[in-house]
């Protein structure tokens, strides 16, 4: 089952909206986030952290990625709560 949604990130006073796709596959959670050029970047949840697992190089600022990880955690929590219902 996949879930689509939007992550809102307040970065340097700018609100950035990123549409995501979250899904479960082969005992792991994955989330796809597109960049401003539409290239999708995939992250995999391992243990209690997210790992970047796309072939393209991620050029996002470190602080932006840290904020995105927290937002991905929130999206994952909503996803797992939805599955339990």
Protein backbone atom coordinates (compact mmCIF):
# COMPACT_ATOMS: atom_id res chain seq x y z
CA UNK A 1 0.00 0.00 0.00
CA UNK A 2 1.41 3.37 -0.91
CA UNK A 3 0.53 6.75 0.47
CA UNK A 4 0.96 10.11 -1.21
CA UNK A 5 1.10 13.38 0.64
CA UNK A 6 2.89 16.69 0.98
CA UNK A 7 5.74 17.62 3.30
CA UNK A 8 5.92 21.30 4.21
CA UNK A 9 9.38 22.57 5.15
CA UNK A 10 10.11 26.03 6.53
CA UNK A 11 13.66 26.64 5.29
CA UNK A 12 15.28 30.04 5.75
CA UNK A 13 11.87 31.72 5.97
CA UNK A 14 10.59 30.07 2.79
CA UNK A 15 7.87 27.45 2.81
CA UNK A 16 8.76 24.57 0.53
CA UNK A 17 6.13 21.99 -0.38
CA UNK A 18 7.34 18.57 -1.51
CA UNK A 19 4.94 15.89 -2.67
CA UNK A 20 6.05 12.48 -1.47
CA UNK A 21 5.22 8.85 -2.07
CA UNK A 22 5.66 6.53 0.91
CA UNK A 23 5.48 2.75 0.62
CA UNK A 24 6.52 -0.52 2.24
CA UNK A 25 8.51 -3.08 0.25
CA UNK A 26 10.65 -6.07 1.27
CA UNK A 27 10.64 -5.36 5.02
CA UNK A 28 11.56 -1.67 4.65
CA UNK A 29 9.79 1.66 4.35
CA UNK A 30 10.69 3.86 1.40
CA UNK A 31 9.88 7.46 0.58
CA UNK A 32 10.35 9.18 -2.78
CA UNK A 33 10.88 12.95 -2.81
CA UNK A 34 11.24 14.93 -6.04
CA UNK A 35 13.67 17.84 -6.32
CA UNK A 36 12.91 21.13 -8.09
CA UNK A 37 13.77 19.51 -11.45
CA UNK A 38 11.32 16.67 -10.90
CA UNK A 39 14.03 14.05 -10.27
CA UNK A 40 12.81 11.61 -7.63
CA UNK A 41 15.16 10.83 -4.75
CA UNK A 42 14.52 7.65 -2.75
CA UNK A 43 15.20 7.20 0.95
CA UNK A 44 14.97 3.89 2.85
CA UNK A 45 14.19 3.57 6.54
CA UNK A 46 16.80 1.40 8.27
CA UNK A 47 16.40 1.02 11.99
CA UNK A 48 15.59 4.47 13.28
CA UNK A 49 17.26 6.49 10.50
CA UNK A 50 16.65 7.30 6.84
CA UNK A 51 19.32 6.35 4.29
CA UNK A 52 19.59 7.92 0.85
CA UNK A 53 19.48 5.18 -1.79
CA UNK A 54 19.15 6.82 -5.22
CA UNK A 55 21.75 6.84 -7.95
CA UNK A 56 21.54 10.60 -8.45
CA UNK A 57 23.71 12.75 -6.20
CA UNK A 58 21.73 14.60 -3.55
CA UNK A 59 22.63 18.29 -3.65
CA UNK A 60 20.32 19.54 -0.92
CA UNK A 61 21.79 21.58 1.98
CA UNK A 62 22.48 19.51 5.11
CA UNK A 63 20.05 21.49 7.27
CA UNK A 64 17.31 21.05 4.67
CA UNK A 65 17.88 17.27 4.67
CA UNK A 66 17.72 17.15 8.49
CA UNK A 67 14.38 18.97 8.44
CA UNK A 68 13.15 16.68 5.65
CA UNK A 69 14.10 13.60 7.72
CA UNK A 70 11.95 14.84 10.61
CA UNK A 71 9.06 15.46 8.23
CA UNK A 72 9.53 11.99 6.72
CA UNK A 73 9.30 10.54 10.25
CA UNK A 74 5.98 12.35 10.72
CA UNK A 75 4.71 11.01 7.38
CA UNK A 76 5.81 7.48 8.34
CA UNK A 77 3.98 7.73 11.66
CA UNK A 78 0.79 8.82 9.89
CA UNK A 79 1.22 5.96 7.39
CA UNK A 80 1.67 3.28 10.06
CA UNK A 81 -1.24 4.66 12.12
CA UNK A 82 -3.43 4.52 8.99
CA UNK A 83 -2.44 0.86 8.36
CA UNK A 84 -3.35 -0.13 11.94
CA UNK A 85 -6.89 1.20 11.49
